Amino acid sequence: MISNLLVPLVLLSMLYGLCIFACIVLLRIIRVSARWRIVLGFLIFAIATGLLVALQWPQDNIFLYNFPAQFFGYEIYYWSIQLIGDPTSANAHDTIPWFLRIPQVFVAVSMIFWGLLGAFIQLVVNARRAKSC
């Protein structure tokens, strides 16, 4: 049962990696500093796929575009209604701030998730470069 999910997630991760690598290569071509290239590549990917998920939201296939944004976006939406909003309201969706509602939350979550991942990788790469010099 878990193998039915594992293969698509591995394939999606490889596809995300290829897209991010393409962004980083494009940033290298336009001569962006190596100290910021990885973070910017991740952020470009995050913004593009976050907007794509938000624009395609009611469809069932949005997880293909940006799985972490979709997964964590729904969780943040649920918990924001539970903690900030009024879960007993008939329109609980309207009791939370606009940016925490679906589909806007997908863009913010995408930028935070991929931005933090890119920043972590950039810090590791910069530390290795500093050690080798």
N, C-alpha and C. Protein backbone atom coordinates (compact mmCIF):
# COMPACT_ATOMS: atom_id res chain seq x y z
N MET A 1 0.82 -1.18 0.00
CA MET A 1 0.00 0.00 0.00
C MET A 1 0.87 1.26 0.00
N ILE A 2 1.89 1.29 0.83
CA ILE A 2 2.77 2.46 0.87
C ILE A 2 3.57 2.59 -0.42
N SER A 3 3.83 1.47 -1.09
CA SER A 3 4.58 1.54 -2.34
C SER A 3 3.78 2.24 -3.43
N ASN A 4 2.46 2.22 -3.33
CA ASN A 4 1.64 2.94 -4.29
C ASN A 4 1.83 4.44 -4.19
N LEU A 5 2.19 4.93 -3.02
CA LEU A 5 2.44 6.35 -2.82
C LEU A 5 3.90 6.71 -2.99
N LEU A 6 4.78 5.78 -2.69
CA LEU A 6 6.21 6.07 -2.68
C LEU A 6 6.74 6.40 -4.07
N VAL A 7 6.38 5.63 -5.06
CA VAL A 7 6.89 5.85 -6.41
C VAL A 7 6.47 7.21 -6.96
N PRO A 8 5.19 7.60 -6.88
CA PRO A 8 4.83 8.93 -7.38
C PRO A 8 5.52 10.06 -6.62
N LEU A 9 5.70 9.91 -5.31
CA LEU A 9 6.37 10.96 -4.54
C LEU A 9 7.84 11.08 -4.92
N VAL A 10 8.49 9.96 -5.18
CA VAL A 10 9.89 10.01 -5.63
C VAL A 10 9.97 10.66 -7.00
N LEU A 11 9.07 10.30 -7.89
CA LEU A 11 9.06 10.91 -9.22
C LEU A 11 8.77 12.40 -9.16
N LEU A 12 7.84 12.80 -8.30
CA LEU A 12 7.55 14.23 -8.14
C LEU A 12 8.76 14.97 -7.58
N SER A 13 9.44 14.37 -6.61
CA SER A 13 10.63 14.99 -6.04
C SER A 13 11.72 15.17 -7.09
N MET A 14 11.88 14.18 -7.95
CA MET A 14 12.87 14.30 -9.02
C MET A 14 12.47 15.41 -10.00
N LEU A 15 11.20 15.51 -10.31
CA LEU A 15 10.72 16.56 -11.21
C LEU A 15 10.91 17.94 -10.58
N TYR A 16 10.60 18.07 -9.29
CA TYR A 16 10.82 19.34 -8.60
C TYR A 16 12.31 19.70 -8.62
N GLY A 17 13.15 18.71 -8.37
CA GLY A 17 14.60 18.95 -8.39
C GLY A 17 15.09 19.42 -9.74
N LEU A 18 14.58 18.82 -10.80
CA LEU A 18 14.96 19.25 -12.15
C LEU A 18 14.52 20.68 -12.43
N CYS A 19 13.33 21.04 -12.01
CA CYS A 19 12.84 22.41 -12.22
C CYS A 19 13.68 23.41 -11.43
N ILE A 20 14.00 23.08 -10.20
CA ILE A 20 14.82 23.97 -9.38
C ILE A 20 16.22 24.08 -9.96
N PHE A 21 16.78 22.97 -10.42
CA PHE A 21 18.10 22.99 -11.05
C PHE A 21 18.08 23.88 -12.29
N ALA A 22 17.01 23.81 -13.08
CA ALA A 22 16.90 24.67 -14.27
C ALA A 22 16.87 26.14 -13.86
N CYS A 23 16.16 26.46 -12.79
CA CYS A 23 16.15 27.85 -12.30
C CYS A 23 17.54 28.30 -11.88
N ILE A 24 18.27 27.42 -11.20
CA ILE A 24 19.62 27.77 -10.74
C ILE A 24 20.55 27.95 -11.92
N VAL A 25 20.44 27.11 -12.94
CA VAL A 25 21.27 27.25 -14.14
C VAL A 25 20.96 28.56 -14.85
N LEU A 26 19.68 28.91 -14.95
CA LEU A 26 19.32 30.19 -15.57
C LEU A 26 19.88 31.37 -14.78
N LEU A 27 19.86 31.27 -13.47
CA LEU A 27 20.43 32.34 -12.65
C LEU A 27 21.94 32.42 -12.83
N ARG A 28 22.58 31.28 -13.06
CA ARG A 28 24.02 31.29 -13.32
C ARG A 28 24.32 31.95 -14.66
N ILE A 29 23.47 31.69 -15.66
CA ILE A 29 23.66 32.27 -16.98
C ILE A 29 23.56 33.80 -16.92
N ILE A 30 22.64 34.30 -16.10
CA ILE A 30 22.52 35.76 -16.00
C ILE A 30 23.43 36.34 -14.92
N ARG A 31 24.35 35.53 -14.45
CA ARG A 31 25.44 35.93 -13.55
C ARG A 31 24.97 36.45 -12.18
N VAL A 32 24.06 35.74 -11.58
CA VAL A 32 23.66 36.03 -10.21
C VAL A 32 24.74 35.46 -9.29
N SER A 33 25.02 36.16 -8.21
CA SER A 33 26.06 35.75 -7.27
C SER A 33 25.84 34.32 -6.78
N ALA A 34 26.91 33.57 -6.69
CA ALA A 34 26.83 32.18 -6.23
C ALA A 34 26.36 32.09 -4.78
N ARG A 35 26.52 33.17 -4.02
CA ARG A 35 26.10 33.16 -2.63
C ARG A 35 24.57 33.18 -2.48
N TRP A 36 23.86 33.58 -3.54
CA TRP A 36 22.40 33.70 -3.48
C TRP A 36 21.68 32.84 -4.50
N ARG A 37 22.40 32.21 -5.36
CA ARG A 37 21.81 31.52 -6.51
C ARG A 37 20.83 30.41 -6.12
N ILE A 38 21.18 29.60 -5.16
CA ILE A 38 20.34 28.46 -4.78
C ILE A 38 19.04 28.95 -4.13
N VAL A 39 19.15 29.92 -3.22
CA VAL A 39 17.96 30.45 -2.55
C VAL A 39 17.02 31.07 -3.57
N LEU A 40 17.56 31.85 -4.49
CA LEU A 40 16.71 32.47 -5.51
C LEU A 40 16.07 31.43 -6.43
N GLY A 41 16.81 30.39 -6.77
CA GLY A 41 16.24 29.32 -7.60
C GLY A 41 15.07 28.65 -6.91
N PHE A 42 15.22 28.37 -5.63
CA PHE A 42 14.14 27.77 -4.86
C PHE A 42 12.95 28.72 -4.75
N LEU A 43 13.22 30.01 -4.54
CA LEU A 43 12.12 30.97 -4.41
C LEU A 43 11.37 31.18 -5.72
N ILE A 44 12.09 31.20 -6.84
CA ILE A 44 11.42 31.31 -8.14
C ILE A 44 10.50 30.11 -8.35
N PHE A 45 11.02 28.92 -8.05
CA PHE A 45 10.19 27.71 -8.16
C PHE A 45 8.99 27.80 -7.22
N ALA A 46 9.21 28.27 -5.99
CA ALA A 46 8.14 28.35 -5.00
C ALA A 46 7.04 29.29 -5.44
N ILE A 47 7.41 30.45 -5.93
CA ILE A 47 6.40 31.43 -6.34
C ILE A 47 5.63 30.92 -7.56
N ALA A 48 6.36 30.39 -8.53
CA ALA A 48 5.70 29.91 -9.75
C ALA A 48 4.74 28.76 -9.46
N THR A 49 5.19 27.78 -8.71
CA THR A 49 4.31 26.63 -8.45
C THR A 49 3.23 26.97 -7.42
N GLY A 50 3.53 27.86 -6.48
CA GLY A 50 2.50 28.29 -5.53
C GLY A 50 1.36 29.00 -6.23
N LEU A 51 1.70 29.89 -7.17
CA LEU A 51 0.66 30.57 -7.94
C LEU A 51 -0.10 29.59 -8.82
N LEU A 52 0.62 28.64 -9.39
CA LEU A 52 -0.04 27.64 -10.24
C LEU A 52 -1.04 26.81 -9.44
N VAL A 53 -0.65 26.42 -8.23
CA VAL A 53 -1.56 25.65 -7.37
C VAL A 53 -2.77 26.51 -6.99
N ALA A 54 -2.53 27.78 -6.65
CA ALA A 54 -3.64 28.65 -6.27
C ALA A 54 -4.60 28.88 -7.43
N LEU A 55 -4.06 29.01 -8.63
CA LEU A 55 -4.92 29.25 -9.79
C LEU A 55 -5.68 27.99 -10.22
N GLN A 56 -5.08 26.84 -10.00
CA GLN A 56 -5.70 25.57 -10.40
C GLN A 56 -6.43 24.89 -9.25
N TRP A 57 -6.67 25.59 -8.15
CA TRP A 57 -7.08 25.00 -6.89
C TRP A 57 -8.25 24.02 -6.95
N PRO A 58 -9.37 24.29 -7.53
CA PRO A 58 -10.45 23.32 -7.35
C PRO A 58 -10.21 21.98 -8.03
N GLN A 59 -9.22 21.89 -8.87
CA GLN A 59 -8.96 20.63 -9.57
C GLN A 59 -8.31 19.62 -8.62
N ASP A 60 -8.44 18.36 -8.96
CA ASP A 60 -7.90 17.30 -8.12
C ASP A 60 -6.41 17.07 -8.31
N ASN A 61 -5.83 17.58 -9.37
CA ASN A 61 -4.43 17.28 -9.67
C ASN A 61 -3.46 18.35 -9.20
N ILE A 62 -3.85 19.24 -8.29
CA ILE A 62 -2.94 20.31 -7.88
C ILE A 62 -1.75 19.78 -7.10
N PHE A 63 -1.86 18.62 -6.50
CA PHE A 63 -0.72 18.09 -5.75
C PHE A 63 0.46 17.79 -6.66
N LEU A 64 0.20 17.62 -7.95
CA LEU A 64 1.30 17.36 -8.88
C LEU A 64 2.20 18.58 -9.04
N TYR A 65 1.63 19.76 -8.95
CA TYR A 65 2.40 20.97 -9.17
C TYR A 65 3.30 21.31 -7.98
N ASN A 66 2.78 21.12 -6.78
CA ASN A 66 3.54 21.49 -5.59
C ASN A 66 2.95 20.74 -4.40
N PHE A 67 3.41 19.52 -4.19
CA PHE A 67 2.85 18.67 -3.14
C PHE A 67 2.99 19.28 -1.74
N PRO A 68 4.19 19.78 -1.35
CA PRO A 68 4.29 20.32 0.01
C PRO A 68 3.36 21.52 0.25
N ALA A 69 3.22 22.38 -0.74
CA ALA A 69 2.34 23.54 -0.57
C ALA A 69 0.89 23.11 -0.39
N GLN A 70 0.49 22.13 -1.15
CA GLN A 70 -0.89 21.66 -1.05
C GLN A 70 -1.12 20.95 0.29
N PHE A 71 -0.21 20.08 0.67
CA PHE A 71 -0.37 19.32 1.91
C PHE A 71 -0.35 20.24 3.13
N PHE A 72 0.72 21.04 3.26
CA PHE A 72 0.84 21.93 4.42
C PHE A 72 -0.18 23.07 4.36
N GLY A 73 -0.57 23.48 3.16
CA GLY A 73 -1.58 24.53 3.02
C GLY A 73 -2.91 24.13 3.62
N TYR A 74 -3.34 22.92 3.34
CA TYR A 74 -4.60 22.44 3.92
C TYR A 74 -4.48 22.31 5.44
N GLU A 75 -3.32 21.88 5.92
CA GLU A 75 -3.13 21.77 7.37
C GLU A 75 -3.17 23.14 8.05
N ILE A 76 -2.49 24.10 7.47
CA ILE A 76 -2.49 25.46 8.04
C ILE A 76 -3.90 26.05 8.00
N TYR A 77 -4.60 25.82 6.92
CA TYR A 77 -5.99 26.29 6.81
C TYR A 77 -6.85 25.68 7.91
N TYR A 78 -6.75 24.38 8.10
CA TYR A 78 -7.54 23.70 9.13
C TYR A 78 -7.21 24.24 10.52
N TRP A 79 -5.91 24.31 10.83
CA TRP A 79 -5.52 24.75 12.17
C TRP A 79 -5.77 26.23 12.40
N SER A 80 -5.74 27.03 11.35
CA SER A 80 -6.06 28.44 11.54
C SER A 80 -7.55 28.61 11.88
N ILE A 81 -8.40 27.79 11.29
CA ILE A 81 -9.82 27.84 11.67
C ILE A 81 -9.99 27.37 13.11
N GLN A 82 -9.26 26.33 13.51
CA GLN A 82 -9.39 25.79 14.87
C GLN A 82 -8.85 26.76 15.92
N LEU A 83 -7.74 27.44 15.62
CA LEU A 83 -7.06 28.26 16.63
C LEU A 83 -7.39 29.75 16.55
N ILE A 84 -7.56 30.27 15.34
CA ILE A 84 -7.80 31.71 15.18
C ILE A 84 -9.27 31.99 14.92
N GLY A 85 -9.87 31.20 14.06
CA GLY A 85 -11.25 31.44 13.65
C GLY A 85 -12.26 30.83 14.60
N ASP A 86 -13.47 30.73 14.12
CA ASP A 86 -14.57 30.16 14.88
C ASP A 86 -15.04 28.88 14.19
N PRO A 87 -14.59 27.71 14.67
CA PRO A 87 -14.95 26.46 14.00
C PRO A 87 -16.45 26.13 14.08
N THR A 88 -17.18 26.77 14.99
CA THR A 88 -18.61 26.49 15.12
C THR A 88 -19.46 27.34 14.17
N SER A 89 -18.84 28.31 13.53
CA SER A 89 -19.57 29.19 12.62
C SER A 89 -19.97 28.44 11.36
N ALA A 90 -21.11 28.83 10.80
CA ALA A 90 -21.55 28.22 9.54
C ALA A 90 -20.60 28.59 8.40
N ASN A 91 -19.98 29.75 8.50
CA ASN A 91 -19.00 30.20 7.51
C ASN A 91 -17.64 30.34 8.19
N ALA A 92 -17.10 29.25 8.68
CA ALA A 92 -15.83 29.29 9.39
C ALA A 92 -14.71 29.83 8.52
N HIS A 93 -14.84 29.65 7.23
CA HIS A 93 -13.85 30.15 6.27
C HIS A 93 -13.70 31.67 6.39
N ASP A 94 -14.78 32.36 6.70
CA ASP A 94 -14.76 33.82 6.79
C ASP A 94 -14.26 34.33 8.13
N THR A 95 -13.96 33.46 9.07
CA THR A 95 -13.52 33.91 10.39
C THR A 95 -12.01 33.95 10.53
N ILE A 96 -11.28 33.64 9.47
CA ILE A 96 -9.82 33.69 9.51
C ILE A 96 -9.34 34.75 8.53
N PRO A 97 -8.11 35.25 8.69
CA PRO A 97 -7.59 36.26 7.77
C PRO A 97 -7.54 35.75 6.33
N TRP A 98 -7.61 36.70 5.40
CA TRP A 98 -7.68 36.38 3.97
C TRP A 98 -6.52 35.52 3.51
N PHE A 99 -5.30 35.84 3.94
CA PHE A 99 -4.12 35.12 3.45
C PHE A 99 -4.03 33.70 3.98
N LEU A 100 -4.82 33.34 4.97
CA LEU A 100 -4.84 31.97 5.48
C LEU A 100 -5.95 31.12 4.86
N ARG A 101 -6.71 31.72 3.98
CA ARG A 101 -7.80 30.98 3.32
C ARG A 101 -7.27 30.25 2.10
N ILE A 102 -8.02 29.23 1.71
CA ILE A 102 -7.71 28.49 0.49
C ILE A 102 -8.21 29.33 -0.67
N PRO A 103 -7.53 29.56 -1.73
CA PRO A 103 -6.26 29.02 -2.18
C PRO A 103 -5.04 29.90 -1.88
N GLN A 104 -5.24 31.08 -1.24
CA GLN A 104 -4.13 32.00 -1.01
C GLN A 104 -3.04 31.39 -0.14
N VAL A 105 -3.43 30.54 0.79
CA VAL A 105 -2.45 29.95 1.70
C VAL A 105 -1.42 29.10 0.95
N PHE A 106 -1.78 28.56 -0.21
CA PHE A 106 -0.85 27.73 -0.96
C PHE A 106 0.39 28.51 -1.40
N VAL A 107 0.20 29.76 -1.81
CA VAL A 107 1.34 30.58 -2.26
C VAL A 107 2.27 30.86 -1.09
N ALA A 108 1.71 31.28 0.04
CA ALA A 108 2.53 31.59 1.21
C ALA A 108 3.27 30.36 1.72
N VAL A 109 2.58 29.24 1.81
CA VAL A 109 3.21 28.01 2.29
C VAL A 109 4.30 27.55 1.33
N SER A 110 4.05 27.67 0.05
CA SER A 110 5.06 27.29 -0.94
C SER A 110 6.32 28.13 -0.78
N MET A 111 6.15 29.45 -0.63
CA MET A 111 7.31 30.32 -0.47
C MET A 111 8.07 30.02 0.82
N ILE A 112 7.35 29.76 1.89
CA ILE A 112 8.01 29.47 3.17
C ILE A 112 8.72 28.12 3.11
N PHE A 113 8.04 27.09 2.64
CA PHE A 113 8.64 25.75 2.61
C PHE A 113 9.87 25.71 1.71
N TRP A 114 9.69 26.08 0.44
CA TRP A 114 10.80 25.99 -0.51
C TRP A 114 11.88 27.03 -0.21
N GLY A 115 11.48 28.20 0.31
CA GLY A 115 12.47 29.21 0.67
C GLY A 115 13.37 28.76 1.80
N LEU A 116 12.78 28.16 2.83
CA LEU A 116 13.58 27.65 3.95
C LEU A 116 14.48 26.49 3.52
N LEU A 117 13.95 25.62 2.69
CA LEU A 117 14.76 24.51 2.19
C LEU A 117 15.94 25.04 1.36
N GLY A 118 15.66 26.00 0.50
CA GLY A 118 16.73 26.60 -0.31
C GLY A 118 17.75 27.34 0.54
N ALA A 119 17.28 28.05 1.57
CA ALA A 119 18.21 28.77 2.45
C ALA A 119 19.11 27.79 3.20
N PHE A 120 18.55 26.69 3.66
CA PHE A 120 19.36 25.68 4.35
C PHE A 120 20.42 25.10 3.42
N ILE A 121 20.02 24.74 2.22
CA ILE A 121 20.99 24.18 1.26
C ILE A 121 22.04 25.22 0.90
N GLN A 122 21.62 26.48 0.72
CA GLN A 122 22.58 27.55 0.40
C GLN A 122 23.58 27.74 1.53
N LEU A 123 23.13 27.68 2.78
CA LEU A 123 24.04 27.81 3.92
C LEU A 123 25.06 26.67 3.94
N VAL A 124 24.62 25.46 3.67
CA VAL A 124 25.53 24.32 3.64
C VAL A 124 26.56 24.49 2.52
N VAL A 125 26.10 24.89 1.34
CA VAL A 125 27.01 25.07 0.20
C VAL A 125 28.00 26.19 0.49
N ASN A 126 27.53 27.31 1.05
CA ASN A 126 28.43 28.42 1.36
C ASN A 126 29.46 28.02 2.42
N ALA A 127 29.04 27.23 3.41
CA ALA A 127 29.98 26.78 4.44
C ALA A 127 31.04 25.86 3.85
N ARG A 128 30.66 24.99 2.94
CA ARG A 128 31.64 24.10 2.30
C ARG A 128 32.61 24.88 1.43
N ARG A 129 32.10 25.90 0.74
CA ARG A 129 32.98 26.74 -0.08
C ARG A 129 33.97 27.49 0.79
N ALA A 130 33.52 27.97 1.94
CA ALA A 130 34.40 28.71 2.84
C ALA A 130 35.48 27.80 3.42
N LYS A 131 35.14 26.55 3.70
CA LYS A 131 36.13 25.60 4.22
C LYS A 131 37.18 25.25 3.19
N SER A 132 36.77 25.13 1.93
CA SER A 132 37.71 24.71 0.90
C SER A 132 38.67 25.83 0.50
N CYS A 133 38.33 27.07 0.80
CA CYS A 133 39.21 28.18 0.43
C CYS A 133 40.27 28.46 1.45
